[in-house]
Structures are given as C-alpha cells and as structure tokens.
Amino acid sequence: MSKDDVTKRFKPVWNLPLAVDRNIDQQGMEKLQELYNALGEVLDHPHRYPDPVTTVERLEYALQKTWKFEEDSKMHRYWNQIRGCTCPQDDNFLALGTGVRYHNSSCMWHGEK
C-alpha cells in the first residue's frame, strides 16, 4: 500500500515504527486503512448514521484491536471530533487515558437529551 493511498482525514495514518513494533502485517495495514476511512466518513458526515456516537466508539475499539492494543475506552480520542460536536477539545485531549470526559451540555451529540 503506497503512502498516497492514506486517507487525508487522518494524516499521517500510518505510524510505521509503531506498526513494525506491534507486528502489524499487510493485511492488518489494509484493515487499519478501511477502519480509518470508515471513521473519517462518520466524523465528517454524522447525519448519515442513526447513532454516530456509538459508531465512532465501535470503530475506536476495532482500531485498538487491529493495532493490537488492549481495548480501552479511556484511550478513545475521536469521540469528540464528530462534526458539530461542541465538547471541549483541549480539555478532553489532556484527559486522554484518565477516563474523564468533558461534555458540553448543549452538544448535539453528547449533551443532555
């Protein structure tokens, strides 16, 4: 797979040293590409999905599994990058790995229903 095939939404997608370290084979790299493409589609066009929040969460678990990491929601980083999300980006980035998520109560995706 050439570097040019990588989706522009996640530039760069491939962390080649990590892929080598995690022993990701060609099939795994292709699966990662598919997952990142699907994730980009959901993040950019959430209204095309009945529940984009759940879809993103499932894709994040699939990415962790394909990267051969433990499946852990505390390490999910894309949940608040859904188009239209108004949850605080910087605070949530700093809280990555802690299990804490900061929500905006008026967020169309994560706010109070």
Protein backbone atom coordinates (compact mmCIF):
# COMPACT_ATOMS: atom_id res chain seq x y z
CA MET A 1 0.00 0.00 0.00
CA SER A 2 1.53 3.30 -1.02
CA LYS A 3 1.67 6.33 1.20
CA ASP A 4 -0.61 8.11 -1.33
CA ASP A 5 -3.48 5.71 -0.52
CA VAL A 6 -3.77 7.02 3.03
CA THR A 7 -6.94 8.97 3.72
CA LYS A 8 -6.31 12.68 4.04
CA ARG A 9 -8.62 12.85 7.07
CA PHE A 10 -6.00 11.11 9.19
CA LYS A 11 -2.68 12.45 8.03
CA PRO A 12 -0.47 10.63 8.68
CA VAL A 13 -2.45 7.49 9.39
CA TRP A 14 0.48 5.15 9.47
CA ASN A 15 2.87 5.29 12.31
CA LEU A 16 5.26 2.87 10.60
CA PRO A 17 7.61 2.42 13.56
CA LEU A 18 4.57 1.56 15.71
CA ALA A 19 3.26 -0.83 13.05
CA VAL A 20 6.62 -2.62 13.00
CA ASP A 21 6.78 -2.66 16.80
CA ARG A 22 3.21 -4.04 17.03
CA ASN A 23 3.97 -6.60 14.29
CA ILE A 24 1.17 -5.38 12.02
CA ASP A 25 1.24 -7.30 8.72
CA GLN A 26 -0.01 -6.16 5.30
CA GLN A 27 -3.49 -7.49 6.00
CA GLY A 28 -3.56 -5.54 9.26
CA MET A 29 -2.42 -2.38 7.49
CA GLU A 30 -5.22 -2.78 4.95
CA LYS A 31 -7.73 -3.30 7.76
CA LEU A 32 -6.46 -0.17 9.50
CA GLN A 33 -6.90 1.78 6.27
CA GLU A 34 -10.51 0.56 6.00
CA LEU A 35 -11.22 1.46 9.61
CA TYR A 36 -9.70 4.93 9.35
CA ASN A 37 -11.64 5.57 6.13
CA ALA A 38 -14.87 4.49 7.84
CA LEU A 39 -14.07 6.62 10.89
CA GLY A 40 -13.40 9.67 8.73
CA GLU A 41 -16.73 9.14 6.97
CA VAL A 42 -18.64 9.02 10.27
CA LEU A 43 -16.80 12.00 11.74
CA ASP A 44 -17.35 14.11 8.63
CA HIS A 45 -20.93 13.01 7.87
CA PRO A 46 -22.54 12.03 11.19
CA HIS A 47 -26.09 12.71 9.99
CA ARG A 48 -25.81 9.73 7.64
CA TYR A 49 -25.72 7.38 10.65
CA PRO A 50 -28.53 6.57 13.07
CA ASP A 51 -26.13 6.75 16.05
CA PRO A 52 -22.76 8.24 15.09
CA VAL A 53 -21.53 8.32 18.69
CA THR A 54 -21.89 4.54 19.04
CA THR A 55 -20.47 4.00 15.55
CA VAL A 56 -17.35 6.00 16.41
CA GLU A 57 -16.96 4.09 19.67
CA ARG A 58 -17.18 0.73 17.86
CA LEU A 59 -14.63 1.87 15.28
CA GLU A 60 -12.27 3.00 18.04
CA TYR A 61 -12.44 -0.44 19.65
CA ALA A 62 -11.82 -2.05 16.25
CA LEU A 63 -8.81 0.21 15.71
CA GLN A 64 -7.36 -0.72 19.11
CA LYS A 65 -7.83 -4.40 18.35
CA THR A 66 -6.26 -4.10 14.89
CA TRP A 67 -3.32 -2.15 16.31
CA LYS A 68 -3.06 -5.00 18.86
CA PHE A 69 -3.69 -2.77 21.84
CA GLU A 70 -5.91 -3.57 24.80
CA GLU A 71 -9.45 -2.41 24.08
CA ASP A 72 -9.90 0.51 26.47
CA SER A 73 -12.43 3.33 26.17
CA LYS A 74 -10.18 5.59 28.26
CA MET A 75 -7.86 5.74 25.25
CA HIS A 76 -10.53 6.72 22.73
CA ARG A 77 -9.59 10.01 21.13
CA TYR A 78 -12.06 10.58 18.28
CA TRP A 79 -15.39 10.61 20.16
CA ASN A 80 -15.45 14.42 20.33
CA GLN A 81 -14.30 15.01 16.76
CA ILE A 82 -17.72 14.31 15.26
CA ARG A 83 -18.72 17.24 13.06
CA GLY A 84 -20.94 19.53 15.13
CA CYS A 85 -19.55 18.38 18.49
CA THR A 86 -19.03 21.31 20.84
CA CYS A 87 -17.39 19.40 23.69
CA PRO A 88 -14.06 20.94 24.77
CA GLN A 89 -11.27 19.61 22.53
CA ASP A 90 -8.23 20.68 24.56
CA ASP A 91 -9.56 19.56 27.94
CA ASN A 92 -10.50 16.16 26.53
CA PHE A 93 -7.13 15.75 24.83
CA LEU A 94 -5.37 16.44 28.14
CA ALA A 95 -7.68 13.94 29.89
CA LEU A 96 -6.91 11.14 27.39
CA GLY A 97 -6.20 7.94 29.29
CA THR A 98 -7.84 9.02 32.53
CA GLY A 99 -11.40 8.00 31.76
CA VAL A 100 -12.60 11.58 32.31
CA ARG A 101 -14.61 13.13 29.51
CA TYR A 102 -15.73 16.73 29.46
CA HIS A 103 -19.09 17.32 27.77
CA ASN A 104 -20.87 20.45 26.69
CA SER A 105 -24.47 20.10 27.84
CA SER A 106 -25.67 21.76 24.64
CA CYS A 107 -23.62 19.48 22.33
CA MET A 108 -25.88 17.93 19.69
CA TRP A 109 -24.11 14.56 20.08
CA HIS A 110 -23.06 14.35 23.73
CA GLY A 111 -25.26 16.87 25.52
CA GLU A 112 -28.37 16.34 27.57
CA LYS A 113 -31.16 14.78 25.52
